[in-house]
Amino acid sequence: MFFKPVAGYGSKGVYRGSKITRRVFETILDESYIAQTFIPATERSIKIDDVVTTRKVDIRLYTYAGQLLLTAGRIYQGQATNFRTPGGGFAPVFQV
């Protein structure tokens, strides 16, 4: 479980539930936070320069004032998403 400030962005003020202290949890209860279930990234096989390789994929929902603005997939390798991974970056998301 993660706790994120309602008015936050860019991971500022985000707390992982398993790592917070009682004092921080009390602050979360007193302020405007949302709770989000942690879902680990999945892995997909993709072709990069004619070589099949595995990359992590996660889906992000970008919101503002409680409204969904954009849905995007991110493809990456390693612990954190970045745009320097060969074959990494944003990916389209199609609703079916």
N, C-alpha and C. Protein backbone atom coordinates (compact mmCIF):
# COMPACT_ATOMS: atom_id res chain seq x y z
N MET A 1 0.84 -1.17 0.00
CA MET A 1 0.00 0.00 0.00
C MET A 1 0.89 1.24 0.00
N PHE A 2 0.52 2.21 -0.81
CA PHE A 2 1.20 3.50 -0.85
C PHE A 2 0.21 4.58 -0.47
N PHE A 3 0.70 5.63 0.15
CA PHE A 3 -0.12 6.78 0.50
C PHE A 3 0.42 7.98 -0.26
N LYS A 4 -0.46 8.65 -1.01
CA LYS A 4 -0.05 9.77 -1.85
C LYS A 4 -0.90 10.99 -1.54
N PRO A 5 -0.28 12.17 -1.45
CA PRO A 5 -1.07 13.38 -1.20
C PRO A 5 -1.99 13.66 -2.39
N VAL A 6 -3.21 14.05 -2.10
CA VAL A 6 -4.19 14.33 -3.15
C VAL A 6 -3.67 15.40 -4.11
N ALA A 7 -3.00 16.41 -3.58
CA ALA A 7 -2.52 17.52 -4.41
C ALA A 7 -1.06 17.34 -4.82
N GLY A 8 -0.52 16.13 -4.71
CA GLY A 8 0.89 15.92 -5.01
C GLY A 8 1.16 15.55 -6.45
N TYR A 9 2.44 15.50 -6.79
CA TYR A 9 2.88 15.10 -8.12
C TYR A 9 4.33 14.64 -8.05
N GLY A 10 4.75 13.84 -9.01
CA GLY A 10 6.15 13.46 -9.11
C GLY A 10 6.71 12.74 -7.90
N SER A 11 5.92 11.95 -7.21
CA SER A 11 6.34 11.17 -6.04
C SER A 11 6.67 12.00 -4.81
N LYS A 12 6.34 13.28 -4.82
CA LYS A 12 6.60 14.13 -3.65
C LYS A 12 5.58 13.81 -2.55
N GLY A 13 6.06 13.55 -1.35
CA GLY A 13 5.18 13.28 -0.23
C GLY A 13 4.55 11.90 -0.24
N VAL A 14 5.10 10.97 -1.02
CA VAL A 14 4.56 9.61 -1.12
C VAL A 14 5.23 8.73 -0.07
N TYR A 15 4.42 7.90 0.59
CA TYR A 15 4.94 7.00 1.61
C TYR A 15 4.53 5.57 1.30
N ARG A 16 5.48 4.65 1.47
CA ARG A 16 5.18 3.23 1.35
C ARG A 16 4.67 2.77 2.71
N GLY A 17 3.50 2.15 2.72
CA GLY A 17 2.85 1.77 3.97
C GLY A 17 3.69 0.92 4.90
N SER A 18 4.48 0.00 4.35
CA SER A 18 5.29 -0.88 5.19
C SER A 18 6.48 -0.17 5.80
N LYS A 19 6.75 1.06 5.38
CA LYS A 19 7.94 1.78 5.86
C LYS A 19 7.62 2.99 6.73
N ILE A 20 6.34 3.30 6.96
CA ILE A 20 6.03 4.54 7.67
C ILE A 20 5.99 4.34 9.18
N THR A 21 6.26 5.41 9.88
CA THR A 21 6.20 5.40 11.34
C THR A 21 4.77 5.76 11.78
N ARG A 22 4.50 5.55 13.03
CA ARG A 22 3.18 5.91 13.57
C ARG A 22 2.92 7.41 13.43
N ARG A 23 3.95 8.23 13.64
CA ARG A 23 3.80 9.68 13.52
C ARG A 23 3.43 10.08 12.09
N VAL A 24 4.10 9.50 11.11
CA VAL A 24 3.79 9.80 9.71
C VAL A 24 2.38 9.33 9.38
N PHE A 25 1.99 8.16 9.87
CA PHE A 25 0.64 7.65 9.61
C PHE A 25 -0.42 8.59 10.19
N GLU A 26 -0.16 9.12 11.38
CA GLU A 26 -1.10 10.09 11.98
C GLU A 26 -1.22 11.33 11.09
N THR A 27 -0.10 11.78 10.52
CA THR A 27 -0.12 12.93 9.61
C THR A 27 -0.96 12.61 8.37
N ILE A 28 -0.79 11.42 7.84
CA ILE A 28 -1.56 10.99 6.66
C ILE A 28 -3.05 11.02 6.97
N LEU A 29 -3.43 10.56 8.15
CA LEU A 29 -4.85 10.54 8.53
C LEU A 29 -5.41 11.95 8.67
N ASP A 30 -4.56 12.90 9.10
CA ASP A 30 -5.02 14.28 9.32
C ASP A 30 -5.04 15.12 8.05
N GLU A 31 -4.36 14.68 7.00
CA GLU A 31 -4.27 15.46 5.77
C GLU A 31 -4.98 14.72 4.63
N SER A 32 -4.99 15.33 3.45
CA SER A 32 -5.68 14.75 2.29
C SER A 32 -4.74 13.83 1.51
N TYR A 33 -4.84 12.55 1.79
CA TYR A 33 -4.05 11.52 1.12
C TYR A 33 -4.98 10.49 0.51
N ILE A 34 -4.50 9.81 -0.52
CA ILE A 34 -5.22 8.66 -1.05
C ILE A 34 -4.36 7.42 -0.80
N ALA A 35 -5.01 6.28 -0.67
CA ALA A 35 -4.31 5.01 -0.50
C ALA A 35 -4.34 4.28 -1.84
N GLN A 36 -3.20 3.73 -2.22
CA GLN A 36 -3.10 3.02 -3.49
C GLN A 36 -2.44 1.67 -3.25
N THR A 37 -3.07 0.62 -3.74
CA THR A 37 -2.51 -0.72 -3.64
C THR A 37 -1.29 -0.83 -4.54
N PHE A 38 -0.23 -1.45 -4.03
CA PHE A 38 0.97 -1.65 -4.83
C PHE A 38 0.77 -2.85 -5.76
N ILE A 39 1.01 -2.62 -7.04
CA ILE A 39 0.95 -3.70 -8.03
C ILE A 39 2.30 -3.72 -8.74
N PRO A 40 3.06 -4.80 -8.58
CA PRO A 40 4.38 -4.83 -9.23
C PRO A 40 4.26 -4.81 -10.75
N ALA A 41 5.29 -4.29 -11.39
CA ALA A 41 5.32 -4.24 -12.85
C ALA A 41 5.31 -5.65 -13.43
N THR A 42 4.67 -5.79 -14.57
CA THR A 42 4.70 -7.07 -15.28
C THR A 42 5.88 -7.05 -16.25
N GLU A 43 6.17 -8.19 -16.83
CA GLU A 43 7.23 -8.26 -17.82
C GLU A 43 6.66 -8.71 -19.16
N ARG A 44 7.20 -8.15 -20.22
CA ARG A 44 6.77 -8.47 -21.58
C ARG A 44 8.00 -8.69 -22.45
N SER A 45 7.85 -9.55 -23.43
CA SER A 45 8.90 -9.75 -24.43
C SER A 45 8.65 -8.79 -25.58
N ILE A 46 9.68 -8.03 -25.93
CA ILE A 46 9.57 -7.10 -27.05
C ILE A 46 10.79 -7.27 -27.95
N LYS A 47 10.66 -6.84 -29.18
CA LYS A 47 11.76 -6.95 -30.13
C LYS A 47 12.44 -5.59 -30.26
N ILE A 48 13.76 -5.58 -30.01
CA ILE A 48 14.58 -4.37 -30.14
C ILE A 48 15.71 -4.71 -31.11
N ASP A 49 15.77 -4.02 -32.22
CA ASP A 49 16.80 -4.29 -33.23
C ASP A 49 16.83 -5.77 -33.61
N ASP A 50 15.66 -6.34 -33.84
CA ASP A 50 15.49 -7.74 -34.26
C ASP A 50 15.91 -8.76 -33.20
N VAL A 51 16.08 -8.34 -31.95
CA VAL A 51 16.40 -9.25 -30.86
C VAL A 51 15.26 -9.20 -29.85
N VAL A 52 14.71 -10.37 -29.51
CA VAL A 52 13.64 -10.43 -28.51
C VAL A 52 14.26 -10.33 -27.12
N THR A 53 13.77 -9.41 -26.32
CA THR A 53 14.28 -9.19 -24.97
C THR A 53 13.12 -8.92 -24.03
N THR A 54 13.37 -9.00 -22.74
CA THR A 54 12.34 -8.78 -21.73
C THR A 54 12.48 -7.39 -21.13
N ARG A 55 11.35 -6.71 -20.98
CA ARG A 55 11.30 -5.40 -20.33
C ARG A 55 10.12 -5.38 -19.36
N LYS A 56 10.24 -4.56 -18.33
CA LYS A 56 9.13 -4.36 -17.40
C LYS A 56 8.15 -3.36 -18.00
N VAL A 57 6.88 -3.53 -17.65
CA VAL A 57 5.83 -2.64 -18.15
C VAL A 57 4.94 -2.26 -16.98
N ASP A 58 4.62 -0.98 -16.87
CA ASP A 58 3.59 -0.56 -15.92
C ASP A 58 2.66 0.43 -16.59
N ILE A 59 1.48 0.56 -16.03
CA ILE A 59 0.46 1.46 -16.56
C ILE A 59 0.30 2.60 -15.57
N ARG A 60 0.29 3.82 -16.08
CA ARG A 60 0.14 5.01 -15.24
C ARG A 60 -1.11 5.78 -15.62
N LEU A 61 -1.83 6.24 -14.61
CA LEU A 61 -3.00 7.10 -14.82
C LEU A 61 -2.63 8.49 -14.34
N TYR A 62 -2.66 9.44 -15.22
CA TYR A 62 -2.33 10.83 -14.89
C TYR A 62 -3.64 11.58 -14.67
N THR A 63 -3.77 12.19 -13.49
CA THR A 63 -5.01 12.87 -13.12
C THR A 63 -4.74 14.30 -12.70
N TYR A 64 -5.81 15.09 -12.71
CA TYR A 64 -5.76 16.46 -12.20
C TYR A 64 -7.14 16.79 -11.68
N ALA A 65 -7.20 17.29 -10.46
CA ALA A 65 -8.46 17.68 -9.82
C ALA A 65 -9.48 16.54 -9.86
N GLY A 66 -8.98 15.32 -9.63
CA GLY A 66 -9.86 14.16 -9.57
C GLY A 66 -10.33 13.63 -10.92
N GLN A 67 -9.82 14.19 -12.00
CA GLN A 67 -10.22 13.76 -13.34
C GLN A 67 -9.05 13.07 -14.06
N LEU A 68 -9.35 11.97 -14.74
CA LEU A 68 -8.34 11.27 -15.52
C LEU A 68 -8.00 12.08 -16.77
N LEU A 69 -6.72 12.37 -16.96
CA LEU A 69 -6.27 13.12 -18.13
C LEU A 69 -5.64 12.22 -19.19
N LEU A 70 -4.87 11.22 -18.74
CA LEU A 70 -4.08 10.43 -19.67
C LEU A 70 -3.79 9.06 -19.07
N THR A 71 -3.80 8.06 -19.90
CA THR A 71 -3.35 6.72 -19.52
C THR A 71 -2.15 6.40 -20.39
N ALA A 72 -1.06 5.97 -19.77
CA ALA A 72 0.15 5.66 -20.54
C ALA A 72 0.84 4.43 -19.97
N GLY A 73 1.42 3.65 -20.84
CA GLY A 73 2.26 2.54 -20.43
C GLY A 73 3.70 3.01 -20.42
N ARG A 74 4.50 2.41 -19.55
CA ARG A 74 5.93 2.72 -19.52
C ARG A 74 6.69 1.41 -19.61
N ILE A 75 7.70 1.38 -20.45
CA ILE A 75 8.53 0.20 -20.66
C ILE A 75 9.92 0.53 -20.15
N TYR A 76 10.49 -0.37 -19.33
CA TYR A 76 11.80 -0.07 -18.75
C TYR A 76 12.52 -1.34 -18.33
N GLN A 77 13.76 -1.17 -17.88
CA GLN A 77 14.59 -2.25 -17.39
C GLN A 77 15.23 -1.77 -16.10
N GLY A 78 15.35 -2.64 -15.10
CA GLY A 78 15.99 -2.26 -13.85
C GLY A 78 14.97 -1.91 -12.77
N GLN A 79 15.42 -1.17 -11.76
CA GLN A 79 14.59 -0.85 -10.60
C GLN A 79 13.64 0.31 -10.83
N ALA A 80 14.04 1.27 -11.63
CA ALA A 80 13.23 2.48 -11.80
C ALA A 80 12.99 2.74 -13.29
N THR A 81 11.85 3.34 -13.56
CA THR A 81 11.56 3.69 -14.95
C THR A 81 12.45 4.84 -15.38
N ASN A 82 12.90 4.77 -16.61
CA ASN A 82 13.67 5.87 -17.18
C ASN A 82 13.54 5.80 -18.69
N PHE A 83 13.97 6.82 -19.36
CA PHE A 83 13.84 6.87 -20.80
C PHE A 83 15.16 6.63 -21.52
N ARG A 84 16.15 6.15 -20.80
CA ARG A 84 17.44 5.84 -21.42
C ARG A 84 17.59 4.37 -21.75
N THR A 85 16.68 3.53 -21.25
CA THR A 85 16.73 2.11 -21.54
C THR A 85 16.47 1.88 -23.03
N PRO A 86 17.35 1.15 -23.73
CA PRO A 86 17.05 0.83 -25.13
C PRO A 86 15.69 0.13 -25.24
N GLY A 87 14.83 0.67 -26.08
CA GLY A 87 13.48 0.13 -26.23
C GLY A 87 12.51 0.61 -25.17
N GLY A 88 12.99 1.43 -24.24
CA GLY A 88 12.14 1.91 -23.15
C GLY A 88 11.47 3.23 -23.47
N GLY A 89 10.60 3.64 -22.56
CA GLY A 89 9.89 4.91 -22.72
C GLY A 89 8.39 4.70 -22.61
N PHE A 90 7.62 5.64 -23.12
CA PHE A 90 6.17 5.53 -23.10
C PHE A 90 5.69 4.55 -24.16
N ALA A 91 4.57 3.91 -23.89
CA ALA A 91 3.94 2.99 -24.84
C ALA A 91 2.45 3.29 -24.87
N PRO A 92 1.81 3.14 -26.01
CA PRO A 92 0.37 3.40 -26.08
C PRO A 92 -0.42 2.36 -25.28
N VAL A 93 -1.56 2.78 -24.76
CA VAL A 93 -2.47 1.88 -24.05
C VAL A 93 -3.80 1.91 -24.79
N PHE A 94 -4.28 0.75 -25.17
CA PHE A 94 -5.54 0.64 -25.90
C PHE A 94 -6.58 -0.04 -25.03
N GLN A 95 -7.75 0.55 -24.93
CA GLN A 95 -8.84 -0.05 -24.18
C GLN A 95 -9.58 -1.02 -25.09
N VAL A 96 -9.77 -2.25 -24.61
CA VAL A 96 -10.50 -3.26 -25.40
C VAL A 96 -11.71 -3.76 -24.66
